[in-house]
PDB file of N, CA and C in Angstrom:
ATOM      1  N   MET A   1       4.000 -35.869 -54.244  1.00  0.00           N
ATOM      2  CA  MET A   1       2.939 -34.902 -54.439  1.00  0.00           C
ATOM      3  C   MET A   1       2.562 -34.327 -53.079  1.00  0.00           C
ATOM      4  N   SER A   2       2.393 -33.045 -53.032  1.00  0.00           N
ATOM      5  CA  SER A   2       2.029 -32.389 -51.785  1.00  0.00           C
ATOM      6  C   SER A   2       0.559 -31.999 -51.813  1.00  0.00           C
ATOM      7  N   ALA A   3      -0.168 -32.426 -50.819  1.00  0.00           N
ATOM      8  CA  ALA A   3      -1.591 -32.084 -50.745  1.00  0.00           C
ATOM      9  C   ALA A   3      -1.802 -30.605 -50.458  1.00  0.00           C
ATOM     10  N   ASN A   4      -0.745 -29.902 -50.084  1.00  0.00           N
ATOM     11  CA  ASN A   4      -0.871 -28.476 -49.798  1.00  0.00           C
ATOM     12  C   ASN A   4      -1.198 -27.655 -51.034  1.00  0.00           C
ATOM     13  N   HIS A   5      -0.952 -28.209 -52.202  1.00  0.00           N
ATOM     14  CA  HIS A   5      -1.143 -27.458 -53.435  1.00  0.00           C
ATOM     15  C   HIS A   5      -2.423 -27.830 -54.164  1.00  0.00           C
ATOM     16  N   ILE A   6      -3.163 -28.786 -53.646  1.00  0.00           N
ATOM     17  CA  ILE A   6      -4.362 -29.265 -54.326  1.00  0.00           C
ATOM     18  C   ILE A   6      -5.561 -29.125 -53.399  1.00  0.00           C
ATOM     19  N   LYS A   7      -6.595 -28.499 -53.909  1.00  0.00           N
ATOM     20  CA  LYS A   7      -7.854 -28.409 -53.167  1.00  0.00           C
ATOM     21  C   LYS A   7      -8.836 -29.344 -53.853  1.00  0.00           C
ATOM     22  N   VAL A   8      -9.526 -30.136 -53.055  1.00  0.00           N
ATOM     23  CA  VAL A   8     -10.491 -31.102 -53.574  1.00  0.00           C
ATOM     24  C   VAL A   8     -11.856 -30.776 -52.983  1.00  0.00           C
ATOM     25  N   VAL A   9     -12.834 -30.619 -53.866  1.00  0.00           N
ATOM     26  CA  VAL A   9     -14.210 -30.381 -53.440  1.00  0.00           C
ATOM     27  C   VAL A   9     -15.073 -31.441 -54.112  1.00  0.00           C
ATOM     28  N   THR A  10     -15.955 -32.067 -53.334  1.00  0.00           N
ATOM     29  CA  THR A  10     -16.836 -33.086 -53.910  1.00  0.00           C
ATOM     30  C   THR A  10     -18.288 -32.684 -53.719  1.00  0.00           C
ATOM     31  N   GLU A  11     -19.087 -33.060 -54.699  1.00  0.00           N
ATOM     32  CA  GLU A  11     -20.522 -32.785 -54.651  1.00  0.00           C
ATOM     33  C   GLU A  11     -21.239 -33.847 -55.469  1.00  0.00           C
ATOM     34  N   SER A  12     -21.981 -34.707 -54.811  1.00  0.00           N
ATOM     35  CA  SER A  12     -22.803 -35.730 -55.474  1.00  0.00           C
ATOM     36  C   SER A  12     -22.020 -36.555 -56.490  1.00  0.00           C
ATOM     37  N   GLY A  13     -20.862 -37.035 -56.111  1.00  0.00           N
ATOM     38  CA  GLY A  13     -20.069 -37.885 -56.995  1.00  0.00           C
ATOM     39  C   GLY A  13     -19.204 -37.137 -57.984  1.00  0.00           C
ATOM     40  N   THR A  14     -19.301 -35.820 -58.007  1.00  0.00           N
ATOM     41  CA  THR A  14     -18.445 -35.008 -58.871  1.00  0.00           C
ATOM     42  C   THR A  14     -17.309 -34.454 -58.022  1.00  0.00           C
ATOM     43  N   VAL A  15     -16.084 -34.616 -58.510  1.00  0.00           N
ATOM     44  CA  VAL A  15     -14.903 -34.150 -57.781  1.00  0.00           C
ATOM     45  C   VAL A  15     -14.263 -33.011 -58.566  1.00  0.00           C
ATOM     46  N   PHE A  16     -14.057 -31.892 -57.891  1.00  0.00           N
ATOM     47  CA  PHE A  16     -13.402 -30.729 -58.479  1.00  0.00           C
ATOM     48  C   PHE A  16     -11.982 -30.677 -57.927  1.00  0.00           C
ATOM     49  N   LEU A  17     -10.992 -30.670 -58.814  1.00  0.00           N
ATOM     50  CA  LEU A  17      -9.587 -30.590 -58.416  1.00  0.00           C
ATOM     51  C   LEU A  17      -9.056 -29.221 -58.805  1.00  0.00           C
ATOM     52  N   MET A  18      -8.512 -28.493 -57.828  1.00  0.00           N
ATOM     53  CA  MET A  18      -8.036 -27.132 -58.061  1.00  0.00           C
ATOM     54  C   MET A  18      -6.653 -26.954 -57.469  1.00  0.00           C
ATOM     55  N   GLY A  19      -5.872 -26.086 -58.081  1.00  0.00           N
ATOM     56  CA  GLY A  19      -4.572 -25.746 -57.532  1.00  0.00           C
ATOM     57  C   GLY A  19      -3.551 -25.476 -58.609  1.00  0.00           C
ATOM     58  N   ILE A  20      -2.398 -25.015 -58.165  1.00  0.00           N
ATOM     59  CA  ILE A  20      -1.268 -24.774 -59.058  1.00  0.00           C
ATOM     60  C   ILE A  20      -0.326 -25.953 -58.875  1.00  0.00           C
ATOM     61  N   VAL A  21      -0.161 -26.737 -59.931  1.00  0.00           N
ATOM     62  CA  VAL A  21       0.600 -27.983 -59.840  1.00  0.00           C
ATOM     63  C   VAL A  21       1.484 -28.166 -61.062  1.00  0.00           C
ATOM     64  N   GLY A  22       2.439 -29.068 -60.935  1.00  0.00           N
ATOM     65  CA  GLY A  22       3.255 -29.469 -62.069  1.00  0.00           C
ATOM     66  C   GLY A  22       2.517 -30.520 -62.884  1.00  0.00           C
ATOM     67  N   ASP A  23       3.027 -30.806 -64.060  1.00  0.00           N
ATOM     68  CA  ASP A  23       2.393 -31.772 -64.958  1.00  0.00           C
ATOM     69  C   ASP A  23       2.267 -33.144 -64.305  1.00  0.00           C
ATOM     70  N   ARG A  24       3.335 -33.602 -63.664  1.00  0.00           N
ATOM     71  CA  ARG A  24       3.314 -34.928 -63.029  1.00  0.00           C
ATOM     72  C   ARG A  24       2.288 -34.982 -61.901  1.00  0.00           C
ATOM     73  N   GLU A  25       2.250 -33.942 -61.062  1.00  0.00           N
ATOM     74  CA  GLU A  25       1.273 -33.895 -59.965  1.00  0.00           C
ATOM     75  C   GLU A  25      -0.152 -33.958 -60.503  1.00  0.00           C
ATOM     76  N   ALA A  26      -0.414 -33.206 -61.563  1.00  0.00           N
ATOM     77  CA  ALA A  26      -1.756 -33.190 -62.149  1.00  0.00           C
ATOM     78  C   ALA A  26      -2.142 -34.581 -62.640  1.00  0.00           C
ATOM     79  N   LYS A  27      -1.233 -35.237 -63.352  1.00  0.00           N
ATOM     80  CA  LYS A  27      -1.528 -36.569 -63.893  1.00  0.00           C
ATOM     81  C   LYS A  27      -1.796 -37.577 -62.784  1.00  0.00           C
ATOM     82  N   VAL A  28      -0.978 -37.546 -61.730  1.00  0.00           N
ATOM     83  CA  VAL A  28      -1.156 -38.493 -60.620  1.00  0.00           C
ATOM     84  C   VAL A  28      -2.480 -38.233 -59.908  1.00  0.00           C
ATOM     85  N   ALA A  29      -2.765 -36.975 -59.607  1.00  0.00           N
ATOM     86  CA  ALA A  29      -4.006 -36.640 -58.901  1.00  0.00           C
ATOM     87  C   ALA A  29      -5.230 -37.026 -59.727  1.00  0.00           C
ATOM     88  N   LEU A  30      -5.179 -36.765 -61.025  1.00  0.00           N
ATOM     89  CA  LEU A  30      -6.306 -37.120 -61.890  1.00  0.00           C
ATOM     90  C   LEU A  30      -6.496 -38.632 -61.952  1.00  0.00           C
ATOM     91  N   GLN A  31      -5.406 -39.380 -62.058  1.00  0.00           N
ATOM     92  CA  GLN A  31      -5.501 -40.841 -62.123  1.00  0.00           C
ATOM     93  C   GLN A  31      -6.073 -41.409 -60.825  1.00  0.00           C
ATOM     94  N   ILE A  32      -5.595 -40.921 -59.698  1.00  0.00           N
ATOM     95  CA  ILE A  32      -6.105 -41.397 -58.405  1.00  0.00           C
ATOM     96  C   ILE A  32      -7.592 -41.085 -58.282  1.00  0.00           C
ATOM     97  N   THR A  33      -7.971 -39.881 -58.660  1.00  0.00           N
ATOM     98  CA  THR A  33      -9.370 -39.466 -58.533  1.00  0.00           C
ATOM     99  C   THR A  33     -10.272 -40.273 -59.454  1.00  0.00           C
ATOM    100  N   ARG A  34      -9.844 -40.462 -60.696  1.00  0.00           N
ATOM    101  CA  ARG A  34     -10.663 -41.205 -61.670  1.00  0.00           C
ATOM    102  C   ARG A  34     -10.914 -42.643 -61.250  1.00  0.00           C
ATOM    103  N   THR A  35      -9.985 -43.224 -60.498  1.00  0.00           N
ATOM    104  CA  THR A  35     -10.105 -44.636 -60.132  1.00  0.00           C
ATOM    105  C   THR A  35     -10.626 -44.833 -58.705  1.00  0.00           C
ATOM    106  N   THR A  36     -11.104 -43.771 -58.084  1.00  0.00           N
ATOM    107  CA  THR A  36     -11.643 -43.853 -56.731  1.00  0.00           C
ATOM    108  C   THR A  36     -13.121 -44.230 -56.784  1.00  0.00           C
ATOM    109  N   ASP A  37     -13.504 -45.214 -55.968  1.00  0.00           N
ATOM    110  CA  ASP A  37     -14.904 -45.646 -55.923  1.00  0.00           C
ATOM    111  C   ASP A  37     -15.819 -44.477 -55.579  1.00  0.00           C
ATOM    112  N   GLY A  38     -16.940 -44.417 -56.252  1.00  0.00           N
ATOM    113  CA  GLY A  38     -17.941 -43.392 -55.977  1.00  0.00           C
ATOM    114  C   GLY A  38     -17.795 -42.134 -56.807  1.00  0.00           C
ATOM    115  N   VAL A  39     -16.659 -41.981 -57.480  1.00  0.00           N
ATOM    116  CA  VAL A  39     -16.452 -40.791 -58.311  1.00  0.00           C
ATOM    117  C   VAL A  39     -17.126 -41.019 -59.654  1.00  0.00           C
ATOM    118  N   ARG A  40     -18.064 -40.137 -59.984  1.00  0.00           N
ATOM    119  CA  ARG A  40     -18.769 -40.252 -61.262  1.00  0.00           C
ATOM    120  C   ARG A  40     -18.223 -39.295 -62.310  1.00  0.00           C
ATOM    121  N   LYS A  41     -17.656 -38.174 -61.857  1.00  0.00           N
ATOM    122  CA  LYS A  41     -17.150 -37.168 -62.788  1.00  0.00           C
ATOM    123  C   LYS A  41     -16.003 -36.424 -62.119  1.00  0.00           C
ATOM    124  N   VAL A  42     -14.968 -36.096 -62.906  1.00  0.00           N
ATOM    125  CA  VAL A  42     -13.828 -35.330 -62.404  1.00  0.00           C
ATOM    126  C   VAL A  42     -13.750 -34.027 -63.198  1.00  0.00           C
ATOM    127  N   VAL A  43     -13.705 -32.912 -62.480  1.00  0.00           N
ATOM    128  CA  VAL A  43     -13.566 -31.602 -63.114  1.00  0.00           C
ATOM    129  C   VAL A  43     -12.162 -31.098 -62.800  1.00  0.00           C
ATOM    130  N   ASN A  44     -11.341 -30.996 -63.838  1.00  0.00           N
ATOM    131  CA  ASN A  44      -9.942 -30.589 -63.701  1.00  0.00           C
ATOM    132  C   ASN A  44      -9.845 -29.070 -63.822  1.00  0.00           C
ATOM    133  N   LEU A  45      -9.570 -28.420 -62.705  1.00  0.00           N
ATOM    134  CA  LEU A  45      -9.410 -26.965 -62.691  1.00  0.00           C
ATOM    135  C   LEU A  45      -7.972 -26.578 -62.340  1.00  0.00           C
ATOM    136  N   PHE A  46      -7.043 -27.517 -62.558  1.00  0.00           N
ATOM    137  CA  PHE A  46      -5.642 -27.256 -62.247  1.00  0.00           C
ATOM    138  C   PHE A  46      -5.069 -26.182 -63.160  1.00  0.00           C
ATOM    139  N   GLU A  47      -4.155 -25.402 -62.597  1.00  0.00           N
ATOM    140  CA  GLU A  47      -3.280 -24.554 -63.400  1.00  0.00           C
ATOM    141  C   GLU A  47      -1.939 -25.280 -63.406  1.00  0.00           C
ATOM    142  N   VAL A  48      -1.572 -25.826 -64.557  1.00  0.00           N
ATOM    143  CA  VAL A  48      -0.338 -26.604 -64.666  1.00  0.00           C
ATOM    144  C   VAL A  48       0.792 -25.661 -65.063  1.00  0.00           C
ATOM    145  N   VAL A  49       1.852 -25.663 -64.243  1.00  0.00           N
ATOM    146  CA  VAL A  49       3.003 -24.795 -64.484  1.00  0.00           C
ATOM    147  C   VAL A  49       4.277 -25.638 -64.499  1.00  0.00           C
ATOM    148  N   SER A  50       5.350 -25.044 -64.970  1.00  0.00           N
ATOM    149  CA  SER A  50       6.634 -25.746 -65.045  1.00  0.00           C
ATOM    150  C   SER A  50       7.211 -25.954 -63.644  1.00  0.00           C
ATOM    151  N   ASP A  51       8.153 -26.894 -63.552  1.00  0.00           N
ATOM    152  CA  ASP A  51       8.830 -27.133 -62.274  1.00  0.00           C
ATOM    153  C   ASP A  51       9.564 -25.882 -61.805  1.00  0.00           C
ATOM    154  N   ALA A  52      10.138 -25.134 -62.746  1.00  0.00           N
ATOM    155  CA  ALA A  52      10.841 -23.895 -62.390  1.00  0.00           C
ATOM    156  C   ALA A  52       9.869 -22.888 -61.777  1.00  0.00           C
ATOM    157  N   GLU A  53       8.666 -22.805 -62.319  1.00  0.00           N
ATOM    158  CA  GLU A  53       7.663 -21.876 -61.783  1.00  0.00           C
ATOM    159  C   GLU A  53       7.205 -22.318 -60.396  1.00  0.00           C
ATOM    160  N   ILE A  54       7.067 -23.611 -60.185  1.00  0.00           N
ATOM    161  CA  ILE A  54       6.692 -24.114 -58.855  1.00  0.00           C
ATOM    162  C   ILE A  54       7.764 -23.742 -57.839  1.00  0.00           C
ATOM    163  N   ARG A  55       9.044 -23.917 -58.214  1.00  0.00           N
ATOM    164  CA  ARG A  55      10.134 -23.537 -57.305  1.00  0.00           C
ATOM    165  C   ARG A  55      10.097 -22.040 -57.018  1.00  0.00           C
ATOM    166  N   ARG A  56       9.842 -21.236 -58.047  1.00  0.00           N
ATOM    167  CA  ARG A  56       9.780 -19.782 -57.870  1.00  0.00           C
ATOM    168  C   ARG A  56       8.638 -19.406 -56.930  1.00  0.00           C
ATOM    169  N   LEU A  57       7.478 -20.008 -57.129  1.00  0.00           N
ATOM    170  CA  LEU A  57       6.328 -19.711 -56.271  1.00  0.00           C
ATOM    171  C   LEU A  57       6.572 -20.167 -54.839  1.00  0.00           C
ATOM    172  N   SER A  58       7.231 -21.309 -54.672  1.00  0.00           N
ATOM    173  CA  SER A  58       7.540 -21.805 -53.330  1.00  0.00           C
ATOM    174  C   SER A  58       8.488 -20.854 -52.614  1.00  0.00           C
ATOM    175  N   THR A  59       9.470 -20.345 -53.344  1.00  0.00           N
ATOM    176  CA  THR A  59      10.416 -19.393 -52.768  1.00  0.00           C
ATOM    177  C   THR A  59       9.701 -18.115 -52.361  1.00  0.00           C
ATOM    178  N   LEU A  60       8.802 -17.636 -53.212  1.00  0.00           N
ATOM    179  CA  LEU A  60       8.048 -16.422 -52.890  1.00  0.00           C
ATOM    180  C   LEU A  60       7.196 -16.610 -51.646  1.00  0.00           C
ATOM    181  N   SER A  61       6.550 -17.747 -51.535  1.00  0.00           N
ATOM    182  CA  SER A  61       5.653 -17.952 -50.398  1.00  0.00           C
ATOM    183  C   SER A  61       6.420 -18.060 -49.088  1.00  0.00           C
ATOM    184  N   THR A  62       7.652 -18.567 -49.124  1.00  0.00           N
ATOM    185  CA  THR A  62       8.416 -18.668 -47.880  1.00  0.00           C
ATOM    186  C   THR A  62       9.095 -17.350 -47.527  1.00  0.00           C
ATOM    187  N   THR A  63       9.496 -16.569 -48.526  1.00  0.00           N
ATOM    188  CA  THR A  63      10.170 -15.305 -48.224  1.00  0.00           C
ATOM    189  C   THR A  63       9.186 -14.191 -47.915  1.00  0.00           C
ATOM    190  N   ASN A  64       7.969 -14.292 -48.413  1.00  0.00           N
ATOM    191  CA  ASN A  64       6.976 -13.242 -48.186  1.00  0.00           C
ATOM    192  C   ASN A  64       6.010 -13.569 -47.063  1.00  0.00           C
ATOM    193  N   SER A  65       6.241 -14.663 -46.375  1.00  0.00           N
ATOM    194  CA  SER A  65       5.287 -15.033 -45.334  1.00  0.00           C
ATOM    195  C   SER A  65       5.544 -14.210 -44.081  1.00  0.00           C
ATOM    196  N   THR A  66       4.479 -13.710 -43.542  1.00  0.00           N
ATOM    197  CA  THR A  66       4.550 -12.981 -42.287  1.00  0.00           C
ATOM    198  C   THR A  66       3.647 -13.701 -41.301  1.00  0.00           C
ATOM    199  N   PRO A  67       3.963 -13.629 -40.044  1.00  0.00           N
ATOM    200  CA  PRO A  67       3.100 -14.301 -39.073  1.00  0.00           C
ATOM    201  C   PRO A  67       1.678 -13.764 -39.194  1.00  0.00           C
ATOM    202  N   SER A  68       0.738 -14.671 -39.281  1.00  0.00           N
ATOM    203  CA  SER A  68      -0.642 -14.223 -39.420  1.00  0.00           C
ATOM    204  C   SER A  68      -1.176 -13.757 -38.075  1.00  0.00           C
ATOM    205  N   GLN A  69      -1.959 -12.727 -38.150  1.00  0.00           N
ATOM    206  CA  GLN A  69      -2.589 -12.197 -36.954  1.00  0.00           C
ATOM    207  C   GLN A  69      -4.092 -12.320 -37.140  1.00  0.00           C
ATOM    208  N   PRO A  70      -4.801 -12.601 -36.075  1.00  0.00           N
ATOM    209  CA  PRO A  70      -6.248 -12.705 -36.215  1.00  0.00           C
ATOM    210  C   PRO A  70      -6.849 -11.368 -36.633  1.00  0.00           C
ATOM    211  N   ALA A  71      -7.924 -11.458 -37.378  1.00  0.00           N
ATOM    212  CA  ALA A  71      -8.625 -10.242 -37.793  1.00  0.00           C
ATOM    213  C   ALA A  71      -9.238  -9.570 -36.573  1.00  0.00           C
ATOM    214  N   PRO A  72      -9.273  -8.247 -36.575  1.00  0.00           N
ATOM    215  CA  PRO A  72      -9.873  -7.555 -35.434  1.00  0.00           C
ATOM    216  C   PRO A  72     -11.377  -7.824 -35.366  1.00  0.00           C
ATOM    217  N   VAL A  73     -11.899  -7.827 -34.168  1.00  0.00           N
ATOM    218  CA  VAL A  73     -13.329  -8.038 -33.955  1.00  0.00           C
ATOM    219  C   VAL A  73     -13.956  -6.707 -33.581  1.00  0.00           C
ATOM    220  N   GLU A  74     -14.986  -6.364 -34.307  1.00  0.00           N
ATOM    221  CA  GLU A  74     -15.680  -5.108 -34.028  1.00  0.00           C
ATOM    222  C   GLU A  74     -16.890  -5.399 -33.152  1.00  0.00           C
ATOM    223  N   SER A  75     -16.986  -4.720 -32.041  1.00  0.00           N
ATOM    224  CA  SER A  75     -18.132  -4.897 -31.145  1.00  0.00           C
ATOM    225  C   SER A  75     -19.158  -3.814 -31.416  1.00  0.00           C
ATOM    226  N   ARG A  76     -20.406  -4.191 -31.360  1.00  0.00           N
ATOM    227  CA  ARG A  76     -21.483  -3.205 -31.573  1.00  0.00           C
ATOM    228  C   ARG A  76     -22.393  -3.172 -30.392  1.00  0.00           C
TER     229      ARG A  76
END
């Protein structure tokens, strides 16, 4: 499982899980989160897609990546 595809936000014992993941990744992340001390509630906001779709998205992100440039700063 790659943490690059999962965003975790916590607030007062509630854990929000977000991201585009495969079925297996979602199940593992949910199980780990549910059994973590201090977690009172888990909110599953995953978009579960097929392994083929994950491969397609990974290919798109590597072929369409351009070096990031810092945003311009406007002086007043």
